[in-house]
């Protein structure tokens, strides 16, 4: 199992991830990581990446997997399947567009 760094956008504003429930997503992620004692997973807040129209956004590195339109209820599945099992959750994946679309770190 390799080390993972999970970023969650928490930029505030009604139309940004913070206004769409990303704080709940981040807290659920941190709770799950702590509860399961996943020492290989680090969680960090991030600023806007111009994808708030697909938000809330989560990015898993070094895998380069972007998740979007998340709800706190989606987090346990991401933790179990991706962070523990190494299999991205395809139904929650997004493709970044705009300036990120051609430069996404994959």
Protein backbone atom coordinates (compact mmCIF):
# COMPACT_ATOMS: atom_id res chain seq x y z
CA UNK A 1 0.00 0.00 0.00
CA UNK A 2 1.46 3.36 -0.99
CA UNK A 3 1.12 6.70 0.77
CA UNK A 4 -1.82 8.81 -0.39
CA UNK A 5 -2.52 12.52 -0.06
CA UNK A 6 -6.18 13.46 -0.32
CA UNK A 7 -7.14 17.07 -1.01
CA UNK A 8 -10.66 18.44 -0.47
CA UNK A 9 -11.58 21.87 -1.79
CA UNK A 10 -13.10 23.97 1.00
CA UNK A 11 -13.21 27.35 -0.74
CA UNK A 12 -16.12 29.27 0.76
CA UNK A 13 -18.94 30.86 -1.16
CA UNK A 14 -22.41 29.77 -2.16
CA UNK A 15 -21.37 28.47 -5.57
CA UNK A 16 -18.01 27.11 -4.44
CA UNK A 17 -17.27 23.74 -2.84
CA UNK A 18 -17.50 25.15 0.68
CA UNK A 19 -21.06 26.23 0.02
CA UNK A 20 -21.91 22.79 -1.36
CA UNK A 21 -21.02 20.77 1.73
CA UNK A 22 -17.29 20.16 1.35
CA UNK A 23 -16.63 20.79 5.05
CA UNK A 24 -18.86 17.80 5.86
CA UNK A 25 -17.04 15.73 3.23
CA UNK A 26 -13.65 16.66 4.69
CA UNK A 27 -14.76 15.95 8.26
CA UNK A 28 -16.21 12.57 7.29
CA UNK A 29 -12.97 11.75 5.45
CA UNK A 30 -10.86 12.65 8.47
CA UNK A 31 -13.16 10.68 10.79
CA UNK A 32 -12.95 7.58 8.56
CA UNK A 33 -9.17 7.81 8.19
CA UNK A 34 -8.76 8.14 11.96
CA UNK A 35 -11.31 5.43 12.81
CA UNK A 36 -9.65 2.97 10.45
CA UNK A 37 -6.14 4.05 11.49
CA UNK A 38 -5.02 4.65 7.91
CA UNK A 39 -1.54 5.97 8.58
CA UNK A 40 -0.75 5.94 4.85
CA UNK A 41 -3.42 8.60 4.15
CA UNK A 42 -2.88 12.33 4.66
CA UNK A 43 -5.78 14.79 4.29
CA UNK A 44 -5.46 18.47 3.37
CA UNK A 45 -7.77 21.36 2.58
CA UNK A 46 -7.16 22.94 -0.80
CA UNK A 47 -8.28 26.12 -2.47
CA UNK A 48 -10.34 26.50 -5.59
CA UNK A 49 -9.28 24.57 -8.67
CA UNK A 50 -11.96 26.06 -10.92
CA UNK A 51 -14.12 22.93 -10.76
CA UNK A 52 -16.74 24.16 -8.27
CA UNK A 53 -19.44 23.51 -10.87
CA UNK A 54 -18.58 19.83 -10.24
CA UNK A 55 -18.12 20.25 -6.49
CA UNK A 56 -17.51 19.33 -3.82
CA UNK A 57 -14.17 18.14 -5.18
CA UNK A 58 -11.69 15.60 -3.78
CA UNK A 59 -8.38 14.72 -5.43
CA UNK A 60 -6.29 11.67 -4.50
CA UNK A 61 -2.54 11.84 -5.13
CA UNK A 62 -0.31 10.39 -6.39
CA UNK A 63 -3.11 8.53 -8.19
CA UNK A 64 -4.39 11.71 -9.88
CA UNK A 65 -8.01 10.69 -9.34
CA UNK A 66 -10.56 13.50 -9.16
CA UNK A 67 -13.91 12.95 -7.45
CA UNK A 68 -16.82 15.36 -7.70
CA UNK A 69 -20.40 16.08 -6.73
CA UNK A 70 -19.60 14.44 -3.41
CA UNK A 71 -21.74 14.03 -0.34
CA UNK A 72 -20.47 13.02 3.08
CA UNK A 73 -22.29 9.71 2.55
CA UNK A 74 -19.94 8.92 -0.39
CA UNK A 75 -16.80 9.05 1.74
CA UNK A 76 -16.90 5.55 3.31
CA UNK A 77 -17.10 4.00 -0.17
CA UNK A 78 -14.11 6.04 -1.38
CA UNK A 79 -12.15 5.09 1.74
CA UNK A 80 -12.94 1.38 1.45
CA UNK A 81 -12.59 0.99 -2.31
CA UNK A 82 -9.86 3.48 -3.19
CA UNK A 83 -7.85 4.40 -0.12
CA UNK A 84 -7.82 0.86 1.27
CA UNK A 85 -8.51 -1.31 -1.78
CA UNK A 86 -6.68 0.69 -4.45
CA UNK A 87 -9.71 0.77 -6.79
CA UNK A 88 -11.07 4.22 -7.70
CA UNK A 89 -14.83 4.61 -7.37
CA UNK A 90 -15.75 5.13 -11.02
CA UNK A 91 -19.28 6.42 -10.41
CA UNK A 92 -17.89 9.37 -8.45
CA UNK A 93 -14.95 10.24 -10.71
CA UNK A 94 -14.93 13.43 -12.72
CA UNK A 95 -12.77 14.79 -15.48
CA UNK A 96 -11.57 18.31 -14.77
CA UNK A 97 -12.29 20.81 -17.49
CA UNK A 98 -11.13 24.30 -18.36
CA UNK A 99 -7.50 25.02 -17.57
CA UNK A 100 -7.23 21.78 -15.56
CA UNK A 101 -8.65 19.55 -18.30
CA UNK A 102 -5.42 19.24 -20.24
CA UNK A 103 -3.05 19.43 -17.27
CA UNK A 104 -4.66 17.10 -14.72
CA UNK A 105 -1.97 15.18 -12.88
CA UNK A 106 -2.74 11.56 -13.69
